[in-house]
C-alpha atoms as a PDB file:
ATOM      1  CA  UNK A   1      66.292  22.621 -50.878  1.00  0.00           C
ATOM      2  CA  UNK A   2      65.988  20.427 -53.940  1.00  0.00           C
ATOM      3  CA  UNK A   3      68.140  22.816 -56.017  1.00  0.00           C
ATOM      4  CA  UNK A   4      70.855  22.910 -53.341  1.00  0.00           C
ATOM      5  CA  UNK A   5      70.973  19.112 -53.270  1.00  0.00           C
ATOM      6  CA  UNK A   6      71.316  19.008 -57.035  1.00  0.00           C
ATOM      7  CA  UNK A   7      74.118  21.525 -56.942  1.00  0.00           C
ATOM      8  CA  UNK A   8      75.905  19.520 -54.285  1.00  0.00           C
ATOM      9  CA  UNK A   9      75.627  16.294 -56.329  1.00  0.00           C
ATOM     10  CA  UNK A  10      76.744  18.071 -59.526  1.00  0.00           C
ATOM     11  CA  UNK A  11      79.777  19.573 -57.697  1.00  0.00           C
ATOM     12  CA  UNK A  12      80.754  16.212 -56.222  1.00  0.00           C
ATOM     13  CA  UNK A  13      80.428  14.445 -59.588  1.00  0.00           C
ATOM     14  CA  UNK A  14      82.516  17.114 -61.380  1.00  0.00           C
ATOM     15  CA  UNK A  15      85.188  16.898 -58.649  1.00  0.00           C
ATOM     16  CA  UNK A  16      85.287  13.122 -58.953  1.00  0.00           C
ATOM     17  CA  UNK A  17      85.521  13.227 -62.719  1.00  0.00           C
ATOM     18  CA  UNK A  18      88.301  15.822 -62.697  1.00  0.00           C
ATOM     19  CA  UNK A  19      90.231  13.689 -60.137  1.00  0.00           C
ATOM     20  CA  UNK A  20      89.930  10.635 -62.320  1.00  0.00           C
ATOM     21  CA  UNK A  21      91.018  12.507 -65.473  1.00  0.00           C
ATOM     22  CA  UNK A  22      94.230  13.688 -63.707  1.00  0.00           C
ATOM     23  CA  UNK A  23      95.100  10.351 -62.063  1.00  0.00           C
ATOM     24  CA  UNK A  24      98.291   8.740 -63.408  1.00  0.00           C
ATOM     25  CA  UNK A  25      98.019   5.198 -64.764  1.00  0.00           C
ATOM     26  CA  UNK A  26     100.051   2.381 -63.225  1.00  0.00           C
ATOM     27  CA  UNK A  27     103.496   2.028 -64.863  1.00  0.00           C
ATOM     28  CA  UNK A  28     103.709  -1.085 -67.072  1.00  0.00           C
ATOM     29  CA  UNK A  29     106.496  -3.647 -66.470  1.00  0.00           C
ATOM     30  CA  UNK A  30     109.896  -2.541 -67.695  1.00  0.00           C
ATOM     31  CA  UNK A  31     110.354  -5.652 -69.837  1.00  0.00           C
ATOM     32  CA  UNK A  32     107.525  -4.761 -72.214  1.00  0.00           C
ATOM     33  CA  UNK A  33     109.205  -1.567 -73.482  1.00  0.00           C
ATOM     34  CA  UNK A  34     110.645  -1.808 -77.021  1.00  0.00           C
ATOM     35  CA  UNK A  35     114.328  -1.039 -77.424  1.00  0.00           C
ATOM     36  CA  UNK A  36     115.175   2.544 -78.335  1.00  0.00           C
ATOM     37  CA  UNK A  37     115.659   3.349 -81.986  1.00  0.00           C
ATOM     38  CA  UNK A  38     119.223   3.973 -83.024  1.00  0.00           C
ATOM     39  CA  UNK A  39     118.907   7.379 -84.790  1.00  0.00           C
ATOM     40  CA  UNK A  40     122.495   8.434 -84.106  1.00  0.00           C
ATOM     41  CA  UNK A  41     123.776   6.363 -87.027  1.00  0.00           C
ATOM     42  CA  UNK A  42     121.428   8.084 -89.432  1.00  0.00           C
ATOM     43  CA  UNK A  43     122.186  11.690 -88.442  1.00  0.00           C
ATOM     44  CA  UNK A  44     125.272  11.860 -90.676  1.00  0.00           C
ATOM     45  CA  UNK A  45     123.268  10.768 -93.719  1.00  0.00           C
ATOM     46  CA  UNK A  46     120.537  13.275 -92.840  1.00  0.00           C
ATOM     47  CA  UNK A  47     123.112  16.066 -92.704  1.00  0.00           C
ATOM     48  CA  UNK A  48     124.568  15.030 -96.051  1.00  0.00           C
ATOM     49  CA  UNK A  49     121.104  14.983 -97.634  1.00  0.00           C
ATOM     50  CA  UNK A  50     120.350  18.417 -96.159  1.00  0.00           C
ATOM     51  CA  UNK A  51     123.552  19.928 -97.540  1.00  0.00           C
ATOM     52  CA  UNK A  52     122.904  18.458-101.019  1.00  0.00           C
ATOM     53  CA  UNK A  53     119.302  19.750-100.933  1.00  0.00           C
ATOM     54  CA  UNK A  54     120.425  23.237 -99.871  1.00  0.00           C
ATOM     55  CA  UNK A  55     123.045  23.291-102.631  1.00  0.00           C
ATOM     56  CA  UNK A  56     120.578  22.450-105.408  1.00  0.00           C
ATOM     57  CA  UNK A  57     117.922  24.789-103.917  1.00  0.00           C
ATOM     58  CA  UNK A  58     120.210  27.831-103.792  1.00  0.00           C
ATOM     59  CA  UNK A  59     121.656  27.020-107.173  1.00  0.00           C
ATOM     60  CA  UNK A  60     118.106  27.041-108.612  1.00  0.00           C
ATOM     61  CA  UNK A  61     117.372  30.353-106.815  1.00  0.00           C
ATOM     62  CA  UNK A  62     120.537  31.891-108.284  1.00  0.00           C
ATOM     63  CA  UNK A  63     119.519  30.853-111.827  1.00  0.00           C
ATOM     64  CA  UNK A  64     115.996  32.263-111.507  1.00  0.00           C
ATOM     65  CA  UNK A  65     117.219  35.522-110.004  1.00  0.00           C
ATOM     66  CA  UNK A  66     119.870  36.032-112.718  1.00  0.00           C
ATOM     67  CA  UNK A  67     117.219  35.572-115.475  1.00  0.00           C
ATOM     68  CA  UNK A  68     115.031  38.353-114.098  1.00  0.00           C
END
């Protein structure tokens, strides 16, 4: 009987802990959120930097492959 009571308590505690770990927290007030970051203005510069990087990378690859 003692073992069954221990198993019952252990099962109840595990169920309670799993319920608490899945519970959603209360939403904070909307005013405390920071404004979203404006990344759209930087995408053009990122694309230009990527094109320049690719150009120099492939130019270097062409030089090393022509030397072999």
